[in-house]
N, C-alpha and C. Protein backbone atom coordinates (compact mmCIF):
# COMPACT_ATOMS: atom_id res chain seq x y z
N UNK A 1 -64.05 138.62 83.56
CA UNK A 1 -63.53 139.73 82.81
C UNK A 1 -62.43 140.40 83.62
N UNK A 2 -61.40 140.84 82.93
CA UNK A 2 -60.22 141.40 83.56
C UNK A 2 -60.35 142.91 83.73
N UNK A 3 -59.74 143.44 84.79
CA UNK A 3 -59.65 144.88 85.02
C UNK A 3 -58.27 145.40 84.64
N UNK A 4 -57.51 144.65 83.86
CA UNK A 4 -56.15 145.02 83.49
C UNK A 4 -56.13 146.22 82.57
N UNK A 5 -54.96 146.86 82.52
CA UNK A 5 -54.77 148.03 81.68
C UNK A 5 -54.22 147.66 80.32
N UNK A 6 -54.45 146.46 79.85
CA UNK A 6 -53.97 146.03 78.54
C UNK A 6 -55.05 145.21 77.86
N UNK A 7 -54.95 145.15 76.55
CA UNK A 7 -55.94 144.39 75.79
C UNK A 7 -55.50 142.93 75.68
N UNK A 8 -56.45 142.05 75.48
CA UNK A 8 -56.11 140.63 75.29
C UNK A 8 -55.33 140.43 74.00
N UNK A 9 -55.55 141.27 72.99
CA UNK A 9 -54.79 141.17 71.74
C UNK A 9 -53.33 141.53 71.99
N UNK A 10 -53.09 142.61 72.75
CA UNK A 10 -51.71 142.98 73.08
C UNK A 10 -51.04 141.89 73.91
N UNK A 11 -51.77 141.31 74.84
CA UNK A 11 -51.23 140.23 75.66
C UNK A 11 -50.87 139.02 74.79
N UNK A 12 -51.79 138.66 73.89
CA UNK A 12 -51.53 137.52 73.00
C UNK A 12 -50.29 137.77 72.14
N UNK A 13 -50.15 138.98 71.62
CA UNK A 13 -48.97 139.31 70.80
C UNK A 13 -47.69 139.22 71.62
N UNK A 14 -47.71 139.71 72.85
CA UNK A 14 -46.52 139.64 73.71
C UNK A 14 -46.19 138.19 74.06
N UNK A 15 -47.21 137.39 74.35
CA UNK A 15 -46.97 135.97 74.64
C UNK A 15 -46.38 135.25 73.44
N UNK A 16 -46.71 135.72 72.23
CA UNK A 16 -46.18 135.15 71.01
C UNK A 16 -44.69 135.34 70.84
N UNK A 17 -44.07 136.18 71.67
CA UNK A 17 -42.62 136.36 71.60
C UNK A 17 -41.89 135.17 72.20
N UNK A 18 -42.62 134.28 72.86
CA UNK A 18 -42.03 133.04 73.38
C UNK A 18 -42.19 131.97 72.31
N UNK A 19 -41.11 131.62 71.66
CA UNK A 19 -41.16 130.60 70.61
C UNK A 19 -41.54 129.26 71.21
N UNK A 20 -42.43 128.53 70.54
CA UNK A 20 -42.87 127.23 71.04
C UNK A 20 -42.78 126.20 69.92
N UNK A 21 -42.76 124.96 70.33
CA UNK A 21 -42.96 123.88 69.39
C UNK A 21 -44.44 123.79 69.06
N UNK A 22 -44.75 123.01 68.06
CA UNK A 22 -46.15 122.82 67.66
C UNK A 22 -46.49 121.35 67.84
N UNK A 23 -47.64 121.08 68.43
CA UNK A 23 -48.06 119.71 68.65
C UNK A 23 -49.42 119.46 68.02
N UNK A 24 -49.68 118.20 67.73
CA UNK A 24 -51.03 117.74 67.43
C UNK A 24 -51.36 116.74 68.53
N UNK A 25 -52.49 116.97 69.18
CA UNK A 25 -52.93 116.12 70.27
C UNK A 25 -54.14 115.34 69.80
N UNK A 26 -54.11 114.02 70.04
CA UNK A 26 -55.18 113.15 69.56
C UNK A 26 -55.77 112.35 70.72
N UNK A 27 -57.01 111.94 70.52
CA UNK A 27 -57.71 111.09 71.47
C UNK A 27 -58.82 110.37 70.74
N UNK A 28 -59.53 109.53 71.45
CA UNK A 28 -60.76 108.93 70.94
C UNK A 28 -61.93 109.70 71.50
N UNK A 29 -62.86 110.07 70.65
CA UNK A 29 -64.03 110.82 71.08
C UNK A 29 -65.05 109.94 71.78
N UNK A 30 -66.10 110.56 72.26
CA UNK A 30 -67.13 109.86 73.03
C UNK A 30 -67.83 108.78 72.22
N UNK A 31 -67.84 108.91 70.90
CA UNK A 31 -68.46 107.90 70.04
C UNK A 31 -67.42 107.00 69.38
N UNK A 32 -66.18 107.02 69.89
CA UNK A 32 -65.12 106.20 69.32
C UNK A 32 -64.46 106.80 68.09
N UNK A 33 -64.82 108.04 67.73
CA UNK A 33 -64.25 108.69 66.56
C UNK A 33 -62.86 109.26 66.89
N UNK A 34 -62.02 109.39 65.86
CA UNK A 34 -60.71 110.00 66.02
C UNK A 34 -60.89 111.50 66.19
N UNK A 35 -60.22 112.05 67.19
CA UNK A 35 -60.29 113.48 67.50
C UNK A 35 -58.86 114.01 67.60
N UNK A 36 -58.63 115.20 67.03
CA UNK A 36 -57.30 115.78 67.14
C UNK A 36 -57.34 117.28 66.95
N UNK A 37 -56.32 117.94 67.47
CA UNK A 37 -56.22 119.39 67.36
C UNK A 37 -54.77 119.82 67.46
N UNK A 38 -54.47 120.97 66.88
CA UNK A 38 -53.15 121.59 67.01
C UNK A 38 -53.11 122.40 68.30
N UNK A 39 -51.99 122.31 69.01
CA UNK A 39 -51.81 123.08 70.24
C UNK A 39 -50.33 123.41 70.41
N UNK A 40 -50.06 124.59 70.96
CA UNK A 40 -48.67 124.92 71.28
C UNK A 40 -48.50 125.16 72.78
N UNK A 41 -49.46 124.72 73.57
CA UNK A 41 -49.42 124.91 75.02
C UNK A 41 -48.77 123.75 75.76
N UNK A 42 -48.08 122.87 75.06
CA UNK A 42 -47.43 121.70 75.64
C UNK A 42 -46.25 122.09 76.51
N UNK A 43 -46.09 121.37 77.64
CA UNK A 43 -44.97 121.64 78.53
C UNK A 43 -44.69 120.40 79.38
N UNK A 44 -43.43 120.22 79.74
CA UNK A 44 -43.09 119.17 80.69
C UNK A 44 -43.41 119.66 82.10
N UNK A 45 -43.77 118.71 82.97
CA UNK A 45 -44.09 119.04 84.36
C UNK A 45 -43.10 118.35 85.30
N UNK A 46 -42.91 117.04 85.12
CA UNK A 46 -42.12 116.26 86.06
C UNK A 46 -41.50 115.07 85.35
N UNK A 47 -40.29 114.72 85.74
CA UNK A 47 -39.65 113.50 85.22
C UNK A 47 -40.01 112.28 86.05
N UNK A 48 -40.25 112.47 87.35
CA UNK A 48 -40.58 111.35 88.23
C UNK A 48 -41.64 111.78 89.22
N UNK A 49 -42.91 111.49 88.97
CA UNK A 49 -43.40 110.69 87.84
C UNK A 49 -43.35 111.50 86.54
N UNK A 50 -43.41 110.79 85.43
CA UNK A 50 -43.36 111.41 84.11
C UNK A 50 -44.70 112.09 83.81
N UNK A 51 -44.72 113.42 83.90
CA UNK A 51 -45.94 114.19 83.68
C UNK A 51 -45.70 115.30 82.68
N UNK A 52 -46.69 115.54 81.82
CA UNK A 52 -46.68 116.63 80.86
C UNK A 52 -48.03 117.34 80.94
N UNK A 53 -48.11 118.55 80.38
CA UNK A 53 -49.39 119.25 80.38
C UNK A 53 -49.61 119.97 79.06
N UNK A 54 -50.86 120.28 78.82
CA UNK A 54 -51.28 121.15 77.73
C UNK A 54 -52.62 121.72 78.13
N UNK A 55 -53.07 122.73 77.41
CA UNK A 55 -54.37 123.32 77.76
C UNK A 55 -55.25 123.41 76.53
N UNK A 56 -56.55 123.32 76.79
CA UNK A 56 -57.54 123.37 75.72
C UNK A 56 -58.56 124.47 76.03
N UNK A 57 -58.87 125.28 75.03
CA UNK A 57 -59.86 126.34 75.19
C UNK A 57 -61.26 125.77 75.38
N UNK A 58 -62.00 126.37 76.25
CA UNK A 58 -63.36 125.91 76.54
C UNK A 58 -64.28 126.03 75.32
N UNK A 59 -63.91 126.89 74.37
CA UNK A 59 -64.74 127.07 73.18
C UNK A 59 -64.27 126.22 72.00
N UNK A 60 -63.29 125.36 72.21
CA UNK A 60 -62.78 124.49 71.15
C UNK A 60 -63.84 123.45 70.79
N UNK A 61 -64.02 123.18 69.50
CA UNK A 61 -65.09 122.29 69.07
C UNK A 61 -64.94 120.86 69.59
N UNK A 62 -63.73 120.43 69.94
CA UNK A 62 -63.54 119.07 70.46
C UNK A 62 -63.30 119.06 71.97
N UNK A 63 -63.67 120.16 72.64
CA UNK A 63 -63.44 120.30 74.08
C UNK A 63 -64.03 119.14 74.88
N UNK A 64 -65.31 118.85 74.65
CA UNK A 64 -65.99 117.81 75.44
C UNK A 64 -65.33 116.44 75.25
N UNK A 65 -64.87 116.15 74.03
CA UNK A 65 -64.21 114.87 73.79
C UNK A 65 -62.92 114.74 74.59
N UNK A 66 -62.11 115.79 74.61
CA UNK A 66 -60.85 115.73 75.36
C UNK A 66 -61.10 115.70 76.87
N UNK A 67 -62.09 116.45 77.34
CA UNK A 67 -62.37 116.49 78.78
C UNK A 67 -62.88 115.13 79.26
N UNK A 68 -63.62 114.42 78.43
CA UNK A 68 -64.16 113.11 78.82
C UNK A 68 -63.18 111.97 78.59
N UNK A 69 -62.10 112.22 77.86
CA UNK A 69 -61.16 111.16 77.49
C UNK A 69 -60.35 110.67 78.70
N UNK A 70 -59.94 109.40 78.62
CA UNK A 70 -59.06 108.82 79.63
C UNK A 70 -57.60 108.91 79.22
N UNK A 71 -57.35 109.11 77.91
CA UNK A 71 -56.00 109.08 77.39
C UNK A 71 -55.88 110.02 76.19
N UNK A 72 -54.65 110.42 75.89
CA UNK A 72 -54.38 111.24 74.72
C UNK A 72 -52.94 111.00 74.30
N UNK A 73 -52.62 111.43 73.08
CA UNK A 73 -51.25 111.39 72.58
C UNK A 73 -50.85 112.78 72.14
N UNK A 74 -49.65 113.19 72.50
CA UNK A 74 -49.11 114.48 72.09
C UNK A 74 -48.00 114.21 71.08
N UNK A 75 -48.19 114.70 69.87
CA UNK A 75 -47.20 114.57 68.79
C UNK A 75 -46.49 115.90 68.63
N UNK A 76 -45.19 115.96 68.93
CA UNK A 76 -44.40 117.15 68.66
C UNK A 76 -44.06 117.08 67.17
N UNK A 77 -44.56 118.06 66.41
CA UNK A 77 -44.42 118.00 64.96
C UNK A 77 -42.99 118.29 64.51
N UNK A 78 -42.62 117.65 63.41
CA UNK A 78 -41.33 117.87 62.78
C UNK A 78 -41.41 119.13 61.90
N UNK A 79 -40.26 119.70 61.56
CA UNK A 79 -40.25 120.98 60.85
C UNK A 79 -40.83 120.92 59.44
N UNK A 80 -41.08 119.72 58.92
CA UNK A 80 -41.71 119.60 57.59
C UNK A 80 -43.21 119.33 57.68
N UNK A 81 -43.83 119.62 58.82
CA UNK A 81 -45.24 119.28 59.02
C UNK A 81 -46.16 120.49 59.20
N UNK A 82 -45.85 121.60 58.54
CA UNK A 82 -46.75 122.76 58.59
C UNK A 82 -48.14 122.38 58.10
N UNK A 83 -48.20 121.53 57.07
CA UNK A 83 -49.51 121.14 56.53
C UNK A 83 -50.33 120.38 57.56
N UNK A 84 -49.70 119.54 58.35
CA UNK A 84 -50.42 118.79 59.40
C UNK A 84 -50.88 119.75 60.50
N UNK A 85 -50.01 120.67 60.88
CA UNK A 85 -50.40 121.68 61.87
C UNK A 85 -51.62 122.46 61.40
N UNK A 86 -51.59 122.92 60.16
CA UNK A 86 -52.72 123.68 59.61
C UNK A 86 -53.97 122.83 59.50
N UNK A 87 -53.82 121.59 59.09
CA UNK A 87 -54.97 120.68 58.97
C UNK A 87 -55.69 120.52 60.31
N UNK A 88 -54.92 120.31 61.38
CA UNK A 88 -55.53 120.06 62.68
C UNK A 88 -55.94 121.34 63.40
N UNK A 89 -55.56 122.50 62.85
CA UNK A 89 -55.99 123.78 63.41
C UNK A 89 -57.34 124.22 62.84
N UNK A 90 -57.73 123.65 61.70
CA UNK A 90 -59.00 124.03 61.06
C UNK A 90 -60.17 123.37 61.77
N UNK A 91 -61.30 124.04 61.74
CA UNK A 91 -62.53 123.46 62.28
C UNK A 91 -63.45 123.09 61.14
N UNK A 92 -64.35 122.16 61.42
CA UNK A 92 -65.38 121.82 60.46
C UNK A 92 -65.01 120.78 59.43
N UNK A 93 -63.78 120.28 59.44
CA UNK A 93 -63.38 119.27 58.46
C UNK A 93 -62.94 118.01 59.20
N UNK A 94 -62.98 116.89 58.51
CA UNK A 94 -62.45 115.64 59.07
C UNK A 94 -60.94 115.73 58.99
N UNK A 95 -60.32 116.02 60.09
CA UNK A 95 -58.88 116.23 60.14
C UNK A 95 -58.08 114.97 59.81
N UNK A 96 -58.71 113.80 59.93
CA UNK A 96 -58.03 112.54 59.68
C UNK A 96 -58.28 111.99 58.28
N UNK A 97 -59.09 112.65 57.47
CA UNK A 97 -59.43 112.17 56.13
C UNK A 97 -58.16 111.97 55.30
N UNK A 98 -57.96 110.75 54.81
CA UNK A 98 -56.83 110.42 53.96
C UNK A 98 -55.49 110.39 54.67
N UNK A 99 -55.49 110.47 55.98
CA UNK A 99 -54.25 110.51 56.76
C UNK A 99 -53.98 109.14 57.38
N UNK A 100 -52.79 108.64 57.17
CA UNK A 100 -52.41 107.34 57.75
C UNK A 100 -52.15 107.51 59.25
N UNK A 101 -52.77 106.64 60.04
CA UNK A 101 -52.55 106.62 61.48
C UNK A 101 -52.37 105.18 61.93
N UNK A 102 -51.88 105.02 63.14
CA UNK A 102 -51.83 103.72 63.77
C UNK A 102 -52.59 103.83 65.09
N UNK A 103 -52.74 102.72 65.77
CA UNK A 103 -53.49 102.72 67.03
C UNK A 103 -52.52 102.64 68.19
N UNK A 104 -52.64 103.60 69.10
CA UNK A 104 -51.79 103.63 70.28
C UNK A 104 -52.49 103.05 71.48
N UNK A 105 -51.95 103.32 72.65
CA UNK A 105 -52.54 102.86 73.90
C UNK A 105 -53.97 103.37 74.01
N UNK A 106 -54.84 102.56 74.57
CA UNK A 106 -56.25 102.89 74.74
C UNK A 106 -56.95 103.20 73.43
N UNK A 107 -56.37 102.77 72.30
CA UNK A 107 -56.98 102.99 71.00
C UNK A 107 -56.78 104.38 70.43
N UNK A 108 -56.01 105.23 71.10
CA UNK A 108 -55.80 106.61 70.66
C UNK A 108 -55.09 106.60 69.30
N UNK A 109 -55.58 107.38 68.33
CA UNK A 109 -54.93 107.42 67.02
C UNK A 109 -53.56 108.11 67.11
N UNK A 110 -52.59 107.51 66.43
CA UNK A 110 -51.23 108.06 66.40
C UNK A 110 -50.87 108.43 64.98
N UNK A 111 -50.28 109.61 64.81
CA UNK A 111 -49.72 109.98 63.53
C UNK A 111 -48.51 109.09 63.26
N UNK A 112 -48.15 108.93 62.01
CA UNK A 112 -47.00 108.08 61.70
C UNK A 112 -45.70 108.87 61.58
N UNK A 113 -45.79 110.18 61.36
CA UNK A 113 -44.61 111.04 61.24
C UNK A 113 -44.69 112.13 62.29
N UNK A 114 -43.61 112.36 63.01
CA UNK A 114 -43.52 113.38 64.06
C UNK A 114 -42.07 113.42 64.53
N UNK A 115 -41.76 114.39 65.38
CA UNK A 115 -40.44 114.44 66.01
C UNK A 115 -40.43 113.56 67.25
N UNK A 116 -41.44 113.73 68.10
CA UNK A 116 -41.60 112.84 69.26
C UNK A 116 -43.09 112.70 69.56
N UNK A 117 -43.42 111.63 70.25
CA UNK A 117 -44.82 111.36 70.60
C UNK A 117 -44.89 110.82 72.02
N UNK A 118 -45.80 111.38 72.80
CA UNK A 118 -46.00 110.99 74.19
C UNK A 118 -47.41 110.45 74.36
N UNK A 119 -47.52 109.18 74.75
CA UNK A 119 -48.83 108.57 75.00
C UNK A 119 -49.10 108.66 76.49
N UNK A 120 -50.25 109.24 76.84
CA UNK A 120 -50.53 109.60 78.23
C UNK A 120 -51.92 109.16 78.68
N UNK A 121 -52.04 108.89 79.96
CA UNK A 121 -53.33 108.80 80.63
C UNK A 121 -53.56 110.12 81.35
N UNK A 122 -54.82 110.52 81.46
CA UNK A 122 -55.16 111.75 82.18
C UNK A 122 -54.83 111.56 83.66
N UNK A 123 -54.05 112.47 84.19
CA UNK A 123 -53.69 112.47 85.61
C UNK A 123 -54.52 113.49 86.39
N UNK A 124 -54.64 114.71 85.82
CA UNK A 124 -55.38 115.80 86.47
C UNK A 124 -55.99 116.71 85.40
N UNK A 125 -57.03 117.41 85.79
CA UNK A 125 -57.59 118.50 85.00
C UNK A 125 -57.79 119.68 85.94
N UNK A 126 -57.31 120.85 85.51
CA UNK A 126 -57.40 122.05 86.35
C UNK A 126 -58.09 123.17 85.59
N UNK A 127 -58.87 123.98 86.33
CA UNK A 127 -59.46 125.18 85.76
C UNK A 127 -58.34 126.15 85.41
N UNK A 128 -58.40 126.70 84.22
CA UNK A 128 -57.41 127.68 83.78
C UNK A 128 -58.07 128.85 83.10
N UNK A 129 -59.10 129.41 83.71
CA UNK A 129 -59.81 130.54 83.11
C UNK A 129 -60.60 130.09 81.89
N UNK A 130 -60.26 130.64 80.72
CA UNK A 130 -61.00 130.24 79.52
C UNK A 130 -60.45 128.94 78.92
N UNK A 131 -59.53 128.29 79.62
CA UNK A 131 -58.97 127.00 79.22
C UNK A 131 -59.07 126.00 80.38
N UNK A 132 -58.88 124.74 80.08
CA UNK A 132 -58.69 123.70 81.08
C UNK A 132 -57.29 123.13 80.84
N UNK A 133 -56.55 123.00 81.93
CA UNK A 133 -55.19 122.45 81.87
C UNK A 133 -55.28 120.95 82.10
N UNK A 134 -54.77 120.19 81.14
CA UNK A 134 -54.78 118.73 81.22
C UNK A 134 -53.37 118.24 81.52
N UNK A 135 -53.23 117.51 82.61
CA UNK A 135 -51.95 116.92 82.97
C UNK A 135 -52.03 115.43 82.66
N UNK A 136 -51.06 114.96 81.90
CA UNK A 136 -51.03 113.55 81.53
C UNK A 136 -49.82 112.83 82.10
N UNK A 137 -50.02 111.58 82.47
CA UNK A 137 -48.91 110.72 82.89
C UNK A 137 -48.39 110.01 81.65
N UNK A 138 -47.13 110.19 81.34
CA UNK A 138 -46.53 109.58 80.17
C UNK A 138 -46.35 108.08 80.44
N UNK A 139 -47.00 107.26 79.60
CA UNK A 139 -46.88 105.81 79.71
C UNK A 139 -45.86 105.26 78.73
N UNK A 140 -45.80 105.88 77.55
CA UNK A 140 -44.83 105.50 76.52
C UNK A 140 -44.48 106.74 75.72
N UNK A 141 -43.27 106.75 75.17
CA UNK A 141 -42.90 107.83 74.25
C UNK A 141 -41.95 107.30 73.20
N UNK A 142 -41.94 108.00 72.08
CA UNK A 142 -41.04 107.72 70.97
C UNK A 142 -40.38 109.03 70.58
N UNK A 143 -39.07 109.02 70.44
CA UNK A 143 -38.33 110.21 70.03
C UNK A 143 -37.59 109.88 68.74
N UNK A 144 -38.07 110.45 67.63
CA UNK A 144 -37.44 110.19 66.33
C UNK A 144 -36.32 111.17 66.01
N UNK A 145 -36.18 112.22 66.81
CA UNK A 145 -35.07 113.14 66.67
C UNK A 145 -35.14 114.11 65.51
N UNK A 146 -36.29 114.26 64.87
CA UNK A 146 -36.42 115.23 63.78
C UNK A 146 -36.40 116.66 64.34
N UNK A 147 -35.95 117.60 63.52
CA UNK A 147 -36.01 119.00 63.92
C UNK A 147 -37.47 119.40 64.12
N UNK A 148 -37.77 120.19 65.16
CA UNK A 148 -39.17 120.52 65.46
C UNK A 148 -39.71 121.66 64.61
N UNK A 149 -41.03 121.67 64.48
CA UNK A 149 -41.74 122.79 63.89
C UNK A 149 -41.88 123.86 64.98
N UNK A 150 -41.51 125.08 64.66
CA UNK A 150 -41.49 126.18 65.63
C UNK A 150 -42.53 127.23 65.26
N UNK A 151 -43.19 127.78 66.28
CA UNK A 151 -44.16 128.85 66.09
C UNK A 151 -43.70 130.06 66.90
N UNK A 152 -43.65 131.24 66.24
CA UNK A 152 -43.13 132.45 66.87
C UNK A 152 -43.86 133.67 66.33
N UNK A 153 -44.44 134.45 67.23
CA UNK A 153 -45.15 135.69 66.87
C UNK A 153 -46.19 135.49 65.77
N UNK A 154 -46.95 134.38 65.90
CA UNK A 154 -48.06 134.15 64.98
C UNK A 154 -47.70 133.50 63.66
N UNK A 155 -46.44 133.07 63.51
CA UNK A 155 -46.00 132.44 62.26
C UNK A 155 -45.07 131.27 62.55
N UNK A 156 -44.93 130.40 61.59
CA UNK A 156 -43.94 129.35 61.69
C UNK A 156 -42.56 129.96 61.54
N UNK A 157 -41.58 129.39 62.22
CA UNK A 157 -40.22 129.91 62.16
C UNK A 157 -39.25 128.74 62.02
N UNK A 158 -38.04 129.04 61.66
CA UNK A 158 -37.00 128.02 61.54
C UNK A 158 -35.91 128.33 62.56
N UNK A 159 -35.29 127.26 63.04
CA UNK A 159 -34.21 127.46 64.01
C UNK A 159 -32.86 127.21 63.37
């Protein structure tokens, strides 16, 4: 618990002033099931070696699957994919129901439409308070060059 002079809601709102892209991150679960979630915590780390990171909340329903995974794929969503972002942000539903996917490295499910996609092996996991920071080594990527889906101050935005 923090001794700060600000609320976590105020902090979250201020952090929302940093516009981000929106990603869907996928992996194979412990039982071989397709697992995915929406995240905007994606960031580049290093070009050599090729490393990227994202973070997952410890209370996320697919937390254990991602923490146990050896690989994941990060899909930077295109600006026409609000529905996909919303689908993968919901809990309690089969996020892949009726959705066409292909199989990536290590069997990780890949979306067929996106702006760019990074297929990664887990390089490191770090404690990040109420999140765990996952660093992935990029093994392959595809850049389709579509305009990205942007999230700003709690809403989708256009650039």
